[in-house]
Amino acid sequence: MTEKNKNLIVRLVSALALLPIVLTGIAWGGWWAGVVLGFAAAACAWEYQQIVFKETSALTWFVVACSALLPFLPIALPKDSAAGVIAVTGVVVFTGWIWHLLRGPIAEAPTRTAHVLMAFFYGAGGMTALSQLRNAPDGGWWVVAALVITWGNDTSAYFAGRFLGRHKLYPEVSPNKTWEGFFGGFAGAIGFLFVQKVFFFSGLTVADCLVLGSLGSLLGPAGDLCESMLKRAYGVKDSGKIIPGHGGMLDRIDALIFNAPMVLLYVTFGRGLLFGST
């Protein structure tokens, strides 16, 4: 068995082990969903800081804790979650500035503070969007739709690229991605959404599947490429080792981080603006 096939098996086993945990948390909703999403946000904040700073400090743990807290706000404060997000974000910005004002290095303080804020918001923003989405009517199914778009695109792109890939998509950032994989992922995202519509979630319309699948097929790969760009900039192969076969949490949910806010915006505003539905 080749090393590539061994890695594929490890990836599949990891995915099959994690999928029931994620779906159970989403299905139960409330604090259970908060635990799943909060853990993912915290892991992303930890990995981002390790990539960029390559060190651990009290500020590192503070940012991890605030990131874990953020997805709980739509659950604990359903009517005031926006105010809660703004308040916690303000505390992170304030703490980052004061920390570097007192500890330095002064010349790098603005850049390091910006990275602190990005570490906080990178994963926590997307996971909080999913938490907010879970509170919407049929929220559990809309969260699943965000997962279906992302995983359908990623899986279809992987196999299309593996068996058909010839033309590189963006080799300077991600040498393994191909245009064949991109278009395979595009078809997969839309196709898997139609599967969800037919068998599980009749509330999805044909227009929903086409619009969300298309947007997710653009934003998902963009999220993947942006995370690859971050790792390449800092000379890192994987964001972490928390998920066997996948690397770190950022490696696994980089596309979802971009897709989650898009699905929330679409469900909250887009359907009504585009199609006059709610």
Protein backbone atom coordinates (compact mmCIF):
# COMPACT_ATOMS: atom_id res chain seq x y z
CA MET A 1 0.00 0.00 0.00
CA THR A 2 1.37 3.40 -0.96
CA GLU A 3 1.91 6.16 1.59
CA LYS A 4 -0.77 8.21 -0.16
CA ASN A 5 -3.34 5.44 0.23
CA LYS A 6 -2.37 4.92 3.88
CA ASN A 7 -2.93 8.61 4.55
CA LEU A 8 -6.31 8.43 2.82
CA ILE A 9 -7.38 5.57 5.11
CA VAL A 10 -6.27 7.51 8.20
CA ARG A 11 -8.19 10.56 6.96
CA LEU A 12 -11.34 8.50 6.45
CA VAL A 13 -11.10 6.82 9.86
CA SER A 14 -10.60 10.19 11.58
CA ALA A 15 -13.54 11.70 9.72
CA LEU A 16 -15.81 8.77 10.58
CA ALA A 17 -14.81 9.00 14.25
CA LEU A 18 -15.39 12.75 14.51
CA LEU A 19 -18.53 13.03 12.39
CA PRO A 20 -20.94 11.49 14.96
CA ILE A 21 -19.61 13.80 17.69
CA VAL A 22 -20.05 16.91 15.55
CA LEU A 23 -23.50 15.95 14.26
CA THR A 24 -24.72 14.93 17.73
CA GLY A 25 -23.66 18.27 19.19
CA ILE A 26 -25.36 20.14 16.36
CA ALA A 27 -28.50 17.99 16.61
CA TRP A 28 -28.83 18.49 20.37
CA GLY A 29 -28.14 22.20 20.02
CA GLY A 30 -27.83 24.56 22.96
CA TRP A 31 -24.83 24.08 25.20
CA TRP A 32 -23.91 20.82 23.46
CA ALA A 33 -23.44 22.67 20.19
CA GLY A 34 -21.55 25.35 22.10
CA VAL A 35 -19.08 22.79 23.43
CA VAL A 36 -18.34 21.40 19.95
CA LEU A 37 -18.04 24.82 18.32
CA GLY A 38 -16.19 26.35 21.26
CA PHE A 39 -13.60 23.58 21.22
CA ALA A 40 -13.03 24.06 17.48
CA ALA A 41 -12.67 27.83 17.94
CA ALA A 42 -10.20 27.39 20.80
CA ALA A 43 -8.11 24.91 18.81
CA CYS A 44 -7.96 27.30 15.86
CA ALA A 45 -6.84 30.17 18.08
CA TRP A 46 -4.13 27.99 19.62
CA GLU A 47 -2.86 26.76 16.26
CA TYR A 48 -2.81 30.21 14.67
CA GLN A 49 -0.72 31.61 17.51
CA GLN A 50 1.69 28.67 17.40
CA ILE A 51 2.15 29.17 13.66
CA VAL A 52 2.77 32.91 13.93
CA PHE A 53 4.42 33.36 17.33
CA LYS A 54 5.91 29.90 17.91
CA GLU A 55 5.63 30.48 21.66
CA THR A 56 3.11 30.21 24.48
CA SER A 57 2.33 32.93 27.00
CA ALA A 58 -0.48 34.02 29.30
CA LEU A 59 -1.81 36.08 26.38
CA THR A 60 -1.93 32.92 24.26
CA TRP A 61 -4.20 31.19 26.76
CA PHE A 62 -6.32 34.31 27.22
CA VAL A 63 -7.00 34.46 23.47
CA VAL A 64 -7.78 30.72 23.42
CA ALA A 65 -10.27 31.18 26.29
CA CYS A 66 -11.98 34.14 24.61
CA SER A 67 -12.19 32.20 21.35
CA ALA A 68 -13.82 29.28 23.14
CA LEU A 69 -16.30 31.68 24.76
CA LEU A 70 -17.47 33.36 21.57
CA PRO A 71 -19.66 30.52 20.14
CA PHE A 72 -21.50 30.32 23.48
CA LEU A 73 -22.75 33.92 23.22
CA PRO A 74 -25.61 33.24 20.75
CA ILE A 75 -26.70 30.45 23.11
CA ALA A 76 -26.42 32.38 26.38
CA LEU A 77 -27.51 35.76 24.94
CA PRO A 78 -29.80 34.98 22.01
CA LYS A 79 -31.16 38.54 21.86
CA ASP A 80 -27.90 40.32 22.66
CA SER A 81 -25.27 38.11 21.05
CA ALA A 82 -24.03 40.90 18.77
CA ALA A 83 -23.34 43.12 21.77
CA GLY A 84 -21.58 40.24 23.49
CA VAL A 85 -19.38 39.57 20.47
CA ILE A 86 -18.45 43.25 20.23
CA ALA A 87 -17.66 43.41 23.95
CA VAL A 88 -15.44 40.31 23.95
CA THR A 89 -13.68 41.47 20.78
CA GLY A 90 -13.03 44.82 22.41
CA VAL A 91 -11.53 43.11 25.44
CA VAL A 92 -9.20 41.05 23.22
CA VAL A 93 -8.06 44.15 21.30
CA PHE A 94 -7.52 46.10 24.51
CA THR A 95 -5.62 43.23 26.16
CA GLY A 96 -3.43 42.68 23.11
CA TRP A 97 -2.39 46.32 22.97
CA ILE A 98 -1.74 46.62 26.71
CA TRP A 99 0.20 43.34 26.79
CA HIS A 100 2.60 44.48 24.09
CA LEU A 101 2.79 47.99 25.51
CA LEU A 102 4.08 46.52 28.78
CA ARG A 103 5.98 43.50 27.45
CA GLY A 104 7.12 44.56 23.97
CA PRO A 105 8.78 44.18 21.61
CA ILE A 106 7.69 47.75 20.85
CA ALA A 107 8.70 47.72 17.19
CA GLU A 108 6.55 44.63 16.53
CA ALA A 109 3.66 45.55 18.83
CA PRO A 110 1.14 46.64 16.14
CA THR A 111 1.78 43.57 13.98
CA ARG A 112 1.69 41.17 16.93
CA THR A 113 -1.53 42.75 18.25
CA ALA A 114 -3.11 42.37 14.81
CA HIS A 115 -2.14 38.69 14.86
CA VAL A 116 -3.69 38.35 18.33
CA LEU A 117 -6.98 39.66 16.98
CA MET A 118 -6.78 37.42 13.91
CA ALA A 119 -6.02 34.38 16.06
CA PHE A 120 -9.13 35.20 18.09
CA PHE A 121 -11.45 35.81 15.17
CA TYR A 122 -10.13 33.35 12.58
CA GLY A 123 -11.80 30.23 13.92
CA ALA A 124 -14.10 31.81 16.49
CA GLY A 125 -15.82 34.01 13.90
CA GLY A 126 -16.84 31.07 11.75
CA MET A 127 -17.85 28.88 14.68
CA THR A 128 -19.91 31.72 16.18
CA ALA A 129 -21.65 32.14 12.84
CA LEU A 130 -22.62 28.45 13.03
CA SER A 131 -23.82 28.93 16.60
CA GLN A 132 -25.98 31.86 15.53
CA LEU A 133 -27.24 29.87 12.54
CA ARG A 134 -28.24 27.02 14.85
CA ASN A 135 -30.70 29.40 16.54
CA ALA A 136 -32.53 30.14 13.27
CA PRO A 137 -35.69 28.25 12.22
CA ASP A 138 -34.56 24.84 10.97
CA GLY A 139 -31.16 25.95 12.28
CA GLY A 140 -29.78 22.46 12.72
CA TRP A 141 -30.40 21.65 9.08
CA TRP A 142 -28.84 24.92 7.94
CA VAL A 143 -25.71 24.13 9.93
CA VAL A 144 -25.64 20.72 8.28
CA ALA A 145 -26.02 22.48 4.92
CA ALA A 146 -22.89 24.51 5.68
CA LEU A 147 -21.08 21.27 6.50
CA VAL A 148 -22.45 19.54 3.39
CA ILE A 149 -21.29 22.38 1.13
CA THR A 150 -17.83 22.36 2.65
CA TRP A 151 -17.26 18.63 2.91
CA GLY A 152 -18.98 17.89 -0.40
CA ASN A 153 -16.75 20.40 -2.13
CA ASP A 154 -13.59 19.22 -0.37
CA THR A 155 -14.22 15.50 -0.92
CA SER A 156 -15.25 15.86 -4.55
CA ALA A 157 -12.30 18.16 -5.26
CA TYR A 158 -9.91 15.68 -3.65
CA PHE A 159 -11.01 12.72 -5.76
CA ALA A 160 -11.46 14.72 -8.97
CA GLY A 161 -8.00 16.18 -8.52
CA ARG A 162 -6.47 12.83 -7.65
CA PHE A 163 -7.81 10.97 -10.67
CA LEU A 164 -8.25 13.75 -13.24
CA GLY A 165 -5.99 16.56 -12.09
CA ARG A 166 -3.60 17.91 -14.72
CA HIS A 167 -3.69 21.72 -14.55
CA LYS A 168 -2.43 23.42 -11.39
CA LEU A 169 -4.78 25.90 -9.73
CA TYR A 170 -2.35 27.99 -7.64
CA PRO A 171 0.97 26.14 -7.30
CA GLU A 172 2.72 29.01 -5.49
CA VAL A 173 0.40 28.48 -2.52
CA SER A 174 -0.95 24.93 -2.83
CA PRO A 175 0.91 22.77 -5.38
CA ASN A 176 -1.54 19.84 -5.16
CA LYS A 177 -4.70 21.74 -6.10
CA THR A 178 -5.85 21.56 -9.71
CA TRP A 179 -8.53 23.16 -11.85
CA GLU A 180 -10.03 19.72 -12.40
CA GLY A 181 -10.34 19.37 -8.63
CA PHE A 182 -11.87 22.83 -8.38
CA PHE A 183 -14.62 22.07 -10.89
CA GLY A 184 -15.17 18.62 -9.39
CA GLY A 185 -15.62 20.28 -6.00
CA PHE A 186 -18.01 22.81 -7.53
CA ALA A 187 -20.24 20.02 -8.84
CA GLY A 188 -19.90 18.08 -5.60
CA ALA A 189 -21.01 20.93 -3.35
CA ILE A 190 -24.17 21.51 -5.37
CA GLY A 191 -24.82 17.79 -5.84
CA PHE A 192 -24.53 16.94 -2.14
CA LEU A 193 -26.85 19.83 -1.28
CA PHE A 194 -29.46 18.33 -3.59
CA VAL A 195 -29.01 15.01 -1.78
CA GLN A 196 -29.68 16.79 1.51
CA LYS A 197 -32.74 18.46 -0.01
CA VAL A 198 -34.23 15.25 -1.41
CA PHE A 199 -33.62 12.96 1.56
CA PHE A 200 -33.32 15.13 4.66
CA PHE A 201 -34.21 18.82 4.38
CA SER A 202 -37.12 19.66 2.10
CA GLY A 203 -36.89 23.29 3.24
CA LEU A 204 -33.98 23.71 0.85
CA THR A 205 -35.11 25.04 -2.51
CA VAL A 206 -33.49 24.43 -5.86
CA ALA A 207 -32.32 28.06 -5.77
CA ASP A 208 -30.82 27.52 -2.30
CA CYS A 209 -28.82 24.56 -3.55
CA LEU A 210 -27.54 26.39 -6.61
CA VAL A 211 -26.69 29.66 -4.85
CA LEU A 212 -25.20 28.20 -1.68
CA GLY A 213 -23.36 25.45 -3.55
CA SER A 214 -21.88 27.96 -6.00
CA LEU A 215 -20.84 30.47 -3.34
CA GLY A 216 -19.43 27.73 -1.12
CA SER A 217 -17.43 26.35 -4.03
CA LEU A 218 -15.72 29.73 -4.33
CA LEU A 219 -15.34 30.66 -0.68
CA GLY A 220 -14.37 27.18 0.55
CA PRO A 221 -11.31 26.84 -1.70
CA ALA A 222 -10.45 30.48 -0.95
CA GLY A 223 -10.42 29.64 2.76
CA ASP A 224 -8.25 26.60 2.07
CA LEU A 225 -5.80 28.64 -0.01
CA CYS A 226 -5.63 31.41 2.59
CA GLU A 227 -4.71 28.92 5.30
CA SER A 228 -2.11 27.38 2.99
CA MET A 229 -0.74 30.88 2.38
CA LEU A 230 -0.45 31.43 6.15
CA LYS A 231 1.44 28.16 6.63
CA ARG A 232 3.72 28.81 3.67
CA ALA A 233 4.51 32.31 4.94
CA TYR A 234 5.69 30.86 8.26
CA GLY A 235 7.26 27.66 6.94
CA VAL A 236 4.74 25.27 8.50
CA LYS A 237 3.45 22.07 6.87
CA ASP A 238 0.42 21.43 9.11
CA SER A 239 -1.32 23.78 11.52
CA GLY A 240 -1.21 21.08 14.21
CA LYS A 241 -1.55 17.37 14.92
CA ILE A 242 -4.91 17.19 16.68
CA ILE A 243 -6.66 15.19 13.91
CA PRO A 244 -4.73 12.18 12.52
CA GLY A 245 -4.46 12.30 8.75
CA HIS A 246 -5.76 15.86 8.59
CA GLY A 247 -3.25 17.79 10.70
CA GLY A 248 -4.66 20.55 12.84
CA MET A 249 -8.12 21.99 13.36
CA LEU A 250 -7.37 24.83 10.95
CA ASP A 251 -6.36 22.27 8.33
CA ARG A 252 -9.75 20.60 8.72
CA ILE A 253 -12.11 23.59 8.92
CA ASP A 254 -10.30 26.30 6.95
CA ALA A 255 -12.97 26.18 4.24
CA LEU A 256 -15.84 26.02 6.75
CA ILE A 257 -14.53 29.17 8.44
CA PHE A 258 -15.23 31.05 5.19
CA ASN A 259 -18.46 29.25 4.34
CA ALA A 260 -20.17 29.54 7.73
CA PRO A 261 -20.65 33.35 7.72
CA MET A 262 -21.81 33.15 4.11
CA VAL A 263 -24.56 30.64 4.96
CA LEU A 264 -25.62 32.74 7.97
CA LEU A 265 -25.85 35.89 5.85
CA TYR A 266 -27.73 34.03 3.13
CA VAL A 267 -30.29 32.54 5.53
CA THR A 268 -30.70 35.79 7.48
CA PHE A 269 -30.83 38.26 4.59
CA GLY A 270 -30.06 36.68 1.22
CA ARG A 271 -33.12 34.51 0.73
CA GLY A 272 -35.46 37.41 1.35
CA LEU A 273 -33.52 39.84 -0.83
CA LEU A 274 -33.06 37.43 -3.72
CA PHE A 275 -36.25 35.41 -3.67
CA GLY A 276 -38.63 37.13 -1.29
CA SER A 277 -38.60 34.10 1.08
CA THR A 278 -37.66 33.75 4.73
